[in-house]
Amino acid sequence: MDHRLPFSRVWGDGTTSSCDGQFFRGAKRGASGGDINARYGVDHGFSFYTHNSDQRAPYHVNVISAATHEAPYVLDGLTSHGTDLRIVEHYTDTGGATDHVFALCAMLGFRFCPRLRDFPDRRLPSIAPVAAYPFIAPLLGKRIRTDIIREQWGDVLRLVGSIKAGHVAKARRL
């Protein structure tokens, strides 16, 4: 791979990456003919969802339906890329970010840094009551249901272990 070449270090050390999809229109109606995508409407097509390292080279690509949510594919690229890159920090756009991806990235040892559209309209969840955070209270939304997390913790740990071991079907996690 290109990242093994000495010159690739000019751009980065191979620990930071990003991913995004590139849409291509299809000529005919396919199996997803009835799907409607918020961005592309009823245009038929697919996306190449590509992970690129900070060394300016792709290291993982998935071909997905344009009507498919991108977020589950973030984890596929980070955990199933088959290279010797050691990604530590990963960037996406809003399409690659969900609460699930945030949590799973943290549990898998990745620093997740999405660029979020409409950030002023978003609210951050908190564990303690909003009154415990008076300086950021306007930024807070619903409280995190720690009782549900505690109840499901064993399953969460099994999921993380299965992702690390490569036993979870690609992009079917979320």
N, C-alpha and C. Protein backbone atom coordinates (compact mmCIF):
# COMPACT_ATOMS: atom_id res chain seq x y z
N MET A 1 0.83 -1.20 0.00
CA MET A 1 0.00 0.00 0.00
C MET A 1 0.87 1.25 0.00
N ASP A 2 0.26 2.34 -0.45
CA ASP A 2 0.99 3.60 -0.52
C ASP A 2 1.48 4.07 0.82
N HIS A 3 0.76 3.75 1.89
CA HIS A 3 1.15 4.27 3.20
C HIS A 3 2.47 3.69 3.71
N ARG A 4 2.97 2.66 3.08
CA ARG A 4 4.25 2.08 3.48
C ARG A 4 5.43 2.81 2.85
N LEU A 5 5.17 3.59 1.83
CA LEU A 5 6.24 4.33 1.16
C LEU A 5 6.70 5.49 2.02
N PRO A 6 8.01 5.73 2.11
CA PRO A 6 8.53 6.81 2.97
C PRO A 6 7.92 8.18 2.64
N PHE A 7 7.66 8.43 1.36
CA PHE A 7 7.14 9.73 0.97
C PHE A 7 5.76 10.01 1.55
N SER A 8 4.98 8.96 1.85
CA SER A 8 3.62 9.17 2.37
C SER A 8 3.63 9.89 3.71
N ARG A 9 4.71 9.81 4.45
CA ARG A 9 4.82 10.49 5.75
C ARG A 9 4.86 12.01 5.62
N VAL A 10 5.08 12.51 4.40
CA VAL A 10 5.06 13.95 4.18
C VAL A 10 3.70 14.52 4.57
N TRP A 11 2.63 13.77 4.31
CA TRP A 11 1.28 14.25 4.57
C TRP A 11 0.78 13.92 5.96
N GLY A 12 1.21 12.81 6.53
CA GLY A 12 0.73 12.43 7.85
C GLY A 12 1.32 11.10 8.28
N ASP A 13 1.03 10.71 9.51
CA ASP A 13 1.60 9.47 10.04
C ASP A 13 0.67 8.27 9.91
N GLY A 14 -0.48 8.46 9.26
CA GLY A 14 -1.39 7.35 9.03
C GLY A 14 -2.28 7.02 10.21
N THR A 15 -2.42 7.94 11.16
CA THR A 15 -3.28 7.69 12.32
C THR A 15 -4.60 8.46 12.27
N THR A 16 -4.75 9.33 11.30
CA THR A 16 -5.97 10.12 11.17
C THR A 16 -6.61 9.79 9.82
N SER A 17 -7.94 9.76 9.80
CA SER A 17 -8.63 9.48 8.55
C SER A 17 -9.98 10.16 8.50
N SER A 18 -10.59 10.09 7.33
CA SER A 18 -11.94 10.62 7.15
C SER A 18 -12.65 9.74 6.12
N CYS A 19 -13.98 9.87 6.06
CA CYS A 19 -14.74 9.12 5.06
C CYS A 19 -15.93 9.93 4.60
N ASP A 20 -16.36 9.63 3.38
CA ASP A 20 -17.53 10.28 2.82
C ASP A 20 -17.97 9.48 1.61
N GLY A 21 -19.21 9.70 1.20
CA GLY A 21 -19.75 9.01 0.04
C GLY A 21 -19.72 9.90 -1.18
N GLN A 22 -19.54 9.29 -2.35
CA GLN A 22 -19.62 9.99 -3.62
C GLN A 22 -20.71 9.33 -4.43
N PHE A 23 -21.75 10.09 -4.78
CA PHE A 23 -22.93 9.58 -5.46
C PHE A 23 -22.71 9.48 -6.97
N PHE A 24 -23.19 8.37 -7.53
CA PHE A 24 -23.18 8.18 -8.97
C PHE A 24 -24.59 7.77 -9.40
N ARG A 25 -25.12 8.45 -10.39
CA ARG A 25 -26.46 8.12 -10.89
C ARG A 25 -26.41 6.80 -11.64
N GLY A 26 -27.47 6.02 -11.46
CA GLY A 26 -27.60 4.77 -12.19
C GLY A 26 -28.54 4.96 -13.37
N ALA A 27 -28.38 4.13 -14.38
CA ALA A 27 -29.17 4.28 -15.60
C ALA A 27 -30.56 3.67 -15.48
N LYS A 28 -30.72 2.64 -14.68
CA LYS A 28 -32.00 1.94 -14.61
C LYS A 28 -32.46 1.78 -13.18
N ARG A 29 -33.72 1.44 -13.04
CA ARG A 29 -34.28 1.10 -11.73
C ARG A 29 -33.70 -0.21 -11.29
N GLY A 30 -33.20 -0.24 -10.09
CA GLY A 30 -32.64 -1.47 -9.57
C GLY A 30 -33.51 -2.03 -8.46
N ALA A 31 -32.93 -2.87 -7.65
CA ALA A 31 -33.65 -3.50 -6.55
C ALA A 31 -34.17 -2.47 -5.56
N SER A 32 -33.50 -1.32 -5.48
CA SER A 32 -33.93 -0.28 -4.54
C SER A 32 -34.79 0.76 -5.25
N GLY A 33 -35.51 0.36 -6.29
CA GLY A 33 -36.29 1.27 -7.12
C GLY A 33 -37.30 2.11 -6.37
N GLY A 34 -37.85 1.62 -5.28
CA GLY A 34 -38.84 2.38 -4.54
C GLY A 34 -38.26 3.27 -3.46
N ASP A 35 -36.95 3.18 -3.24
CA ASP A 35 -36.31 3.96 -2.18
C ASP A 35 -36.22 5.43 -2.57
N ILE A 36 -36.40 6.28 -1.57
CA ILE A 36 -36.25 7.71 -1.77
C ILE A 36 -35.18 8.20 -0.82
N ASN A 37 -34.24 8.92 -1.37
CA ASN A 37 -33.14 9.46 -0.59
C ASN A 37 -33.40 10.93 -0.33
N ALA A 38 -33.19 11.38 0.90
CA ALA A 38 -33.46 12.77 1.26
C ALA A 38 -32.63 13.74 0.43
N ARG A 39 -31.46 13.34 0.05
CA ARG A 39 -30.58 14.23 -0.69
C ARG A 39 -30.77 14.12 -2.21
N TYR A 40 -30.96 12.90 -2.71
CA TYR A 40 -31.01 12.68 -4.16
C TYR A 40 -32.42 12.41 -4.67
N GLY A 41 -33.41 12.37 -3.79
CA GLY A 41 -34.78 12.13 -4.21
C GLY A 41 -34.95 10.73 -4.76
N VAL A 42 -35.60 10.62 -5.90
CA VAL A 42 -35.84 9.30 -6.50
C VAL A 42 -34.79 8.96 -7.56
N ASP A 43 -33.74 9.77 -7.67
CA ASP A 43 -32.67 9.45 -8.60
C ASP A 43 -32.04 8.13 -8.20
N HIS A 44 -31.93 7.24 -9.15
CA HIS A 44 -31.37 5.92 -8.87
C HIS A 44 -29.86 6.01 -8.94
N GLY A 45 -29.23 5.30 -8.04
CA GLY A 45 -27.79 5.33 -8.07
C GLY A 45 -27.19 4.65 -6.87
N PHE A 46 -25.93 4.88 -6.69
CA PHE A 46 -25.18 4.26 -5.61
C PHE A 46 -24.08 5.22 -5.17
N SER A 47 -23.48 4.90 -4.05
CA SER A 47 -22.36 5.70 -3.53
C SER A 47 -21.16 4.82 -3.30
N PHE A 48 -20.00 5.38 -3.58
CA PHE A 48 -18.75 4.78 -3.12
C PHE A 48 -18.47 5.46 -1.79
N TYR A 49 -18.53 4.69 -0.70
CA TYR A 49 -18.24 5.25 0.62
C TYR A 49 -16.79 4.95 0.93
N THR A 50 -15.95 5.97 0.86
CA THR A 50 -14.50 5.80 0.87
C THR A 50 -13.87 6.37 2.15
N HIS A 51 -12.99 5.57 2.74
CA HIS A 51 -12.18 5.99 3.87
C HIS A 51 -10.79 6.37 3.34
N ASN A 52 -10.32 7.56 3.70
CA ASN A 52 -9.00 8.04 3.28
C ASN A 52 -8.15 8.33 4.51
N SER A 53 -6.90 7.92 4.46
CA SER A 53 -6.00 8.23 5.56
C SER A 53 -5.44 9.63 5.39
N ASP A 54 -4.77 10.13 6.43
CA ASP A 54 -4.15 11.45 6.35
C ASP A 54 -2.94 11.44 5.41
N GLN A 55 -2.60 10.29 4.87
CA GLN A 55 -1.52 10.19 3.90
C GLN A 55 -2.04 10.30 2.47
N ARG A 56 -3.26 10.74 2.33
CA ARG A 56 -3.91 11.05 1.04
C ARG A 56 -4.17 9.81 0.18
N ALA A 57 -4.43 8.69 0.81
CA ALA A 57 -4.72 7.48 0.04
C ALA A 57 -5.93 6.77 0.64
N PRO A 58 -6.83 6.25 -0.21
CA PRO A 58 -7.96 5.48 0.31
C PRO A 58 -7.46 4.16 0.89
N TYR A 59 -8.11 3.73 1.98
CA TYR A 59 -7.74 2.44 2.55
C TYR A 59 -8.94 1.49 2.69
N HIS A 60 -10.15 1.98 2.40
CA HIS A 60 -11.32 1.11 2.43
C HIS A 60 -12.44 1.76 1.62
N VAL A 61 -13.16 0.95 0.82
CA VAL A 61 -14.28 1.46 0.02
C VAL A 61 -15.43 0.46 0.09
N ASN A 62 -16.63 0.97 0.33
CA ASN A 62 -17.86 0.18 0.24
C ASN A 62 -18.73 0.79 -0.85
N VAL A 63 -19.37 -0.04 -1.64
CA VAL A 63 -20.36 0.43 -2.59
C VAL A 63 -21.71 0.22 -1.92
N ILE A 64 -22.46 1.32 -1.75
CA ILE A 64 -23.73 1.25 -1.05
C ILE A 64 -24.83 1.91 -1.87
N SER A 65 -26.05 1.55 -1.57
CA SER A 65 -27.20 2.21 -2.19
C SER A 65 -27.22 3.67 -1.76
N ALA A 66 -27.60 4.54 -2.66
CA ALA A 66 -27.68 5.97 -2.31
C ALA A 66 -28.75 6.22 -1.26
N ALA A 67 -29.69 5.29 -1.09
CA ALA A 67 -30.75 5.44 -0.11
C ALA A 67 -30.37 4.89 1.26
N THR A 68 -29.16 4.35 1.37
CA THR A 68 -28.70 3.76 2.62
C THR A 68 -28.03 4.81 3.50
N HIS A 69 -28.25 4.72 4.80
CA HIS A 69 -27.58 5.63 5.73
C HIS A 69 -26.10 5.29 5.79
N GLU A 70 -25.24 6.29 5.80
CA GLU A 70 -23.80 6.07 5.75
C GLU A 70 -23.18 5.63 7.08
N ALA A 71 -23.79 5.97 8.20
CA ALA A 71 -23.15 5.79 9.49
C ALA A 71 -22.62 4.38 9.79
N PRO A 72 -23.36 3.30 9.52
CA PRO A 72 -22.80 1.98 9.83
C PRO A 72 -21.51 1.66 9.07
N TYR A 73 -21.34 2.27 7.92
CA TYR A 73 -20.16 2.01 7.11
C TYR A 73 -18.91 2.68 7.67
N VAL A 74 -19.08 3.65 8.55
CA VAL A 74 -17.94 4.27 9.23
C VAL A 74 -17.18 3.19 9.99
N LEU A 75 -17.92 2.38 10.75
CA LEU A 75 -17.29 1.33 11.56
C LEU A 75 -16.67 0.25 10.69
N ASP A 76 -17.30 -0.10 9.58
CA ASP A 76 -16.72 -1.10 8.68
C ASP A 76 -15.33 -0.69 8.24
N GLY A 77 -15.19 0.54 7.79
CA GLY A 77 -13.90 1.00 7.30
C GLY A 77 -12.84 1.05 8.39
N LEU A 78 -13.25 1.45 9.57
CA LEU A 78 -12.29 1.56 10.67
C LEU A 78 -11.83 0.21 11.19
N THR A 79 -12.69 -0.79 11.13
CA THR A 79 -12.36 -2.08 11.75
C THR A 79 -12.05 -3.19 10.74
N SER A 80 -12.39 -3.02 9.48
CA SER A 80 -12.25 -4.11 8.51
C SER A 80 -11.47 -3.69 7.27
N HIS A 81 -10.50 -2.82 7.41
CA HIS A 81 -9.83 -2.30 6.22
C HIS A 81 -8.69 -3.18 5.72
N GLY A 82 -8.18 -4.10 6.51
CA GLY A 82 -7.17 -5.04 6.03
C GLY A 82 -5.80 -4.44 5.75
N THR A 83 -5.52 -3.26 6.30
CA THR A 83 -4.18 -2.68 6.14
C THR A 83 -3.51 -2.67 7.50
N ASP A 84 -2.26 -2.22 7.54
CA ASP A 84 -1.59 -2.11 8.83
C ASP A 84 -1.65 -0.67 9.39
N LEU A 85 -2.53 0.15 8.82
CA LEU A 85 -2.74 1.50 9.38
C LEU A 85 -3.30 1.38 10.79
N ARG A 86 -2.90 2.24 11.66
CA ARG A 86 -3.40 2.29 13.04
C ARG A 86 -4.15 3.60 13.23
N ILE A 87 -5.39 3.63 12.77
CA ILE A 87 -6.20 4.85 12.84
C ILE A 87 -6.57 5.12 14.30
N VAL A 88 -6.38 6.35 14.73
CA VAL A 88 -6.69 6.78 16.09
C VAL A 88 -7.84 7.79 16.08
N GLU A 89 -7.85 8.67 15.07
CA GLU A 89 -8.81 9.76 14.99
C GLU A 89 -9.49 9.72 13.63
N HIS A 90 -10.84 9.84 13.65
CA HIS A 90 -11.59 9.72 12.40
C HIS A 90 -12.62 10.83 12.26
N TYR A 91 -12.72 11.38 11.05
CA TYR A 91 -13.64 12.48 10.73
C TYR A 91 -14.68 12.03 9.72
N THR A 92 -15.91 12.51 9.88
CA THR A 92 -16.98 12.29 8.91
C THR A 92 -17.78 13.58 8.79
N ASP A 93 -18.73 13.56 7.87
CA ASP A 93 -19.71 14.64 7.82
C ASP A 93 -20.93 14.18 8.62
N THR A 94 -21.99 14.93 8.58
CA THR A 94 -23.20 14.61 9.35
C THR A 94 -23.77 13.25 9.00
N GLY A 95 -23.68 12.84 7.72
CA GLY A 95 -24.22 11.56 7.28
C GLY A 95 -23.55 10.36 7.93
N GLY A 96 -22.33 10.53 8.39
CA GLY A 96 -21.61 9.42 9.02
C GLY A 96 -21.69 9.43 10.53
N ALA A 97 -22.48 10.33 11.10
CA ALA A 97 -22.51 10.48 12.55
C ALA A 97 -23.87 10.11 13.13
N THR A 98 -23.86 9.20 14.09
CA THR A 98 -25.03 8.89 14.91
C THR A 98 -24.55 8.70 16.33
N ASP A 99 -25.46 8.69 17.28
CA ASP A 99 -25.09 8.44 18.67
C ASP A 99 -24.43 7.07 18.81
N HIS A 100 -24.92 6.09 18.03
CA HIS A 100 -24.37 4.74 18.08
C HIS A 100 -22.91 4.73 17.64
N VAL A 101 -22.61 5.45 16.55
CA VAL A 101 -21.24 5.49 16.05
C VAL A 101 -20.34 6.19 17.06
N PHE A 102 -20.82 7.27 17.67
CA PHE A 102 -20.04 7.95 18.72
C PHE A 102 -19.67 6.96 19.82
N ALA A 103 -20.65 6.26 20.33
CA ALA A 103 -20.42 5.34 21.45
C ALA A 103 -19.51 4.19 21.05
N LEU A 104 -19.80 3.57 19.91
CA LEU A 104 -18.99 2.42 19.49
C LEU A 104 -17.56 2.82 19.14
N CYS A 105 -17.37 3.98 18.53
CA CYS A 105 -16.01 4.44 18.26
C CYS A 105 -15.23 4.60 19.57
N ALA A 106 -15.85 5.20 20.56
CA ALA A 106 -15.17 5.37 21.85
C ALA A 106 -14.82 4.01 22.46
N MET A 107 -15.74 3.07 22.39
CA MET A 107 -15.49 1.75 22.98
C MET A 107 -14.46 0.95 22.18
N LEU A 108 -14.33 1.25 20.89
CA LEU A 108 -13.36 0.55 20.05
C LEU A 108 -12.00 1.25 20.03
N GLY A 109 -11.90 2.39 20.71
CA GLY A 109 -10.61 3.07 20.83
C GLY A 109 -10.34 4.13 19.77
N PHE A 110 -11.37 4.60 19.08
CA PHE A 110 -11.20 5.65 18.07
C PHE A 110 -11.72 6.97 18.60
N ARG A 111 -11.03 8.05 18.30
CA ARG A 111 -11.53 9.39 18.59
C ARG A 111 -12.38 9.80 17.39
N PHE A 112 -13.67 9.99 17.59
CA PHE A 112 -14.61 10.29 16.52
C PHE A 112 -14.86 11.78 16.47
N CYS A 113 -14.63 12.40 15.32
CA CYS A 113 -14.72 13.86 15.18
C CYS A 113 -15.56 14.24 13.96
N PRO A 114 -16.88 14.13 14.06
CA PRO A 114 -17.70 14.49 12.90
C PRO A 114 -17.85 16.00 12.75
N ARG A 115 -18.03 16.42 11.52
CA ARG A 115 -18.39 17.80 11.22
C ARG A 115 -19.90 17.81 11.10
N LEU A 116 -20.57 18.40 12.07
CA LEU A 116 -22.02 18.31 12.14
C LEU A 116 -22.70 19.55 11.55
N ARG A 117 -23.59 19.31 10.62
CA ARG A 117 -24.42 20.38 10.05
C ARG A 117 -25.47 20.76 11.10
N ASP A 118 -25.88 21.97 11.09
CA ASP A 118 -26.93 22.47 11.99
C ASP A 118 -26.60 22.23 13.46
N PHE A 119 -25.34 22.36 13.81
CA PHE A 119 -24.95 22.12 15.20
C PHE A 119 -25.69 23.01 16.20
N PRO A 120 -25.94 24.28 15.90
CA PRO A 120 -26.67 25.10 16.87
C PRO A 120 -28.06 24.57 17.22
N ASP A 121 -28.65 23.78 16.32
CA ASP A 121 -29.98 23.22 16.57
C ASP A 121 -29.93 21.92 17.37
N ARG A 122 -28.76 21.37 17.58
CA ARG A 122 -28.63 20.10 18.29
C ARG A 122 -28.50 20.34 19.79
N ARG A 123 -28.89 19.34 20.53
CA ARG A 123 -28.78 19.39 21.99
C ARG A 123 -27.95 18.20 22.46
N LEU A 124 -27.09 18.45 23.42
CA LEU A 124 -26.24 17.40 23.96
C LEU A 124 -26.96 16.67 25.08
N PRO A 125 -26.85 15.36 25.13
CA PRO A 125 -27.46 14.63 26.25
C PRO A 125 -26.56 14.72 27.48
N SER A 126 -27.14 14.61 28.65
CA SER A 126 -26.35 14.65 29.88
C SER A 126 -26.78 13.51 30.79
N ILE A 127 -25.88 13.15 31.69
CA ILE A 127 -26.21 12.10 32.65
C ILE A 127 -26.91 12.70 33.87
N ALA A 128 -26.36 13.79 34.37
CA ALA A 128 -26.95 14.47 35.53
C ALA A 128 -28.06 15.42 35.04
N PRO A 129 -28.90 15.90 35.96
CA PRO A 129 -29.93 16.87 35.58
C PRO A 129 -29.29 18.13 34.98
N VAL A 130 -30.03 18.82 34.13
CA VAL A 130 -29.53 20.02 33.47
C VAL A 130 -29.04 21.05 34.50
N ALA A 131 -29.68 21.12 35.64
CA ALA A 131 -29.29 22.08 36.67
C ALA A 131 -27.85 21.86 37.16
N ALA A 132 -27.30 20.67 36.96
CA ALA A 132 -25.93 20.39 37.37
C ALA A 132 -24.91 21.06 36.45
N TYR A 133 -25.36 21.55 35.31
CA TYR A 133 -24.48 22.18 34.32
C TYR A 133 -24.99 23.57 33.97
N PRO A 134 -25.01 24.50 34.89
CA PRO A 134 -25.65 25.79 34.63
C PRO A 134 -25.01 26.59 33.50
N PHE A 135 -23.72 26.44 33.27
CA PHE A 135 -23.05 27.24 32.24
C PHE A 135 -23.32 26.75 30.82
N ILE A 136 -23.73 25.49 30.68
CA ILE A 136 -24.02 24.97 29.34
C ILE A 136 -25.47 24.49 29.22
N ALA A 137 -26.29 24.85 30.17
CA ALA A 137 -27.70 24.41 30.18
C ALA A 137 -28.42 24.64 28.86
N PRO A 138 -28.22 25.77 28.16
CA PRO A 138 -28.93 25.96 26.89
C PRO A 138 -28.54 24.95 25.80
N LEU A 139 -27.42 24.29 25.96
CA LEU A 139 -26.95 23.32 24.97
C LEU A 139 -27.44 21.90 25.24
N LEU A 140 -28.06 21.70 26.39
CA LEU A 140 -28.42 20.35 26.80
C LEU A 140 -29.84 19.98 26.42
N GLY A 141 -30.01 18.71 26.13
CA GLY A 141 -31.32 18.17 25.77
C GLY A 141 -31.74 17.11 26.76
N LYS A 142 -32.21 15.98 26.24
CA LYS A 142 -32.69 14.89 27.09
C LYS A 142 -31.56 14.27 27.90
N ARG A 143 -31.96 13.72 29.04
CA ARG A 143 -30.99 13.02 29.87
C ARG A 143 -30.74 11.62 29.34
N ILE A 144 -29.54 11.14 29.54
CA ILE A 144 -29.18 9.78 29.15
C ILE A 144 -29.85 8.81 30.11
N ARG A 145 -30.46 7.78 29.56
CA ARG A 145 -31.15 6.77 30.38
C ARG A 145 -30.13 5.72 30.83
N THR A 146 -29.45 6.02 31.93
CA THR A 146 -28.42 5.11 32.43
C THR A 146 -29.01 3.77 32.85
N ASP A 147 -30.29 3.74 33.23
CA ASP A 147 -30.91 2.47 33.60
C ASP A 147 -30.97 1.51 32.41
N ILE A 148 -31.24 2.05 31.23
CA ILE A 148 -31.29 1.22 30.03
C ILE A 148 -29.88 0.76 29.65
N ILE A 149 -28.92 1.65 29.75
CA ILE A 149 -27.53 1.27 29.45
C ILE A 149 -27.08 0.15 30.39
N ARG A 150 -27.36 0.32 31.68
CA ARG A 150 -26.98 -0.70 32.67
C ARG A 150 -27.64 -2.04 32.34
N GLU A 151 -28.89 -2.00 31.97
CA GLU A 151 -29.66 -3.22 31.65
C GLU A 151 -29.11 -3.92 30.41
N GLN A 152 -28.64 -3.16 29.43
CA GLN A 152 -28.16 -3.73 28.17
C GLN A 152 -26.64 -3.84 28.07
N TRP A 153 -25.93 -3.52 29.15
CA TRP A 153 -24.47 -3.43 29.11
C TRP A 153 -23.80 -4.72 28.61
N GLY A 154 -24.27 -5.86 29.02
CA GLY A 154 -23.70 -7.13 28.57
C GLY A 154 -23.79 -7.29 27.06
N ASP A 155 -24.94 -6.93 26.50
CA ASP A 155 -25.11 -7.01 25.05
C ASP A 155 -24.22 -6.01 24.32
N VAL A 156 -24.06 -4.83 24.90
CA VAL A 156 -23.18 -3.82 24.30
C VAL A 156 -21.75 -4.34 24.25
N LEU A 157 -21.29 -4.93 25.35
CA LEU A 157 -19.92 -5.47 25.37
C LEU A 157 -19.75 -6.62 24.38
N ARG A 158 -20.76 -7.46 24.24
CA ARG A 158 -20.70 -8.54 23.24
C ARG A 158 -20.63 -7.97 21.82
N LEU A 159 -21.39 -6.92 21.56
CA LEU A 159 -21.35 -6.29 20.24
C LEU A 159 -19.95 -5.74 19.95
N VAL A 160 -19.38 -5.03 20.89
CA VAL A 160 -18.04 -4.47 20.71
C VAL A 160 -17.02 -5.58 20.49
N GLY A 161 -17.11 -6.64 21.28
CA GLY A 161 -16.21 -7.77 21.10
C GLY A 161 -16.38 -8.42 19.74
N SER A 162 -17.61 -8.54 19.27
CA SER A 162 -17.89 -9.13 17.96
C SER A 162 -17.37 -8.25 16.82
N ILE A 163 -17.48 -6.94 16.98
CA ILE A 163 -16.94 -6.03 15.96
C ILE A 163 -15.42 -6.16 15.91
N LYS A 164 -14.77 -6.16 17.09
CA LYS A 164 -13.31 -6.30 17.12
C LYS A 164 -12.86 -7.61 16.51
N ALA A 165 -13.59 -8.68 16.74
CA ALA A 165 -13.22 -9.99 16.23
C ALA A 165 -13.61 -10.18 14.76
N GLY A 166 -14.37 -9.25 14.21
CA GLY A 166 -14.80 -9.34 12.81
C GLY A 166 -15.94 -10.30 12.58
N HIS A 167 -16.72 -10.60 13.63
CA HIS A 167 -17.82 -11.56 13.50
C HIS A 167 -19.17 -10.93 13.21
N VAL A 168 -19.27 -9.61 13.22
CA VAL A 168 -20.53 -8.94 12.95
C VAL A 168 -20.61 -8.66 11.47
N ALA A 169 -21.75 -8.98 10.87
CA ALA A 169 -21.93 -8.74 9.42
C ALA A 169 -21.70 -7.28 9.13
N LYS A 170 -20.97 -6.99 8.09
CA LYS A 170 -20.63 -5.62 7.73
C LYS A 170 -21.87 -4.75 7.55
N ALA A 171 -21.83 -3.58 8.13
CA ALA A 171 -22.86 -2.55 7.99
C ALA A 171 -24.25 -3.02 8.36
N ARG A 172 -24.35 -3.99 9.21
CA ARG A 172 -25.66 -4.44 9.68
C ARG A 172 -25.75 -4.26 11.20
N ARG A 173 -24.82 -3.50 11.75
CA ARG A 173 -24.73 -3.37 13.19
C ARG A 173 -25.80 -2.46 13.79
N LEU A 174 -26.11 -1.36 13.09
CA LEU A 174 -26.95 -0.33 13.69
C LEU A 174 -28.36 -0.37 13.17
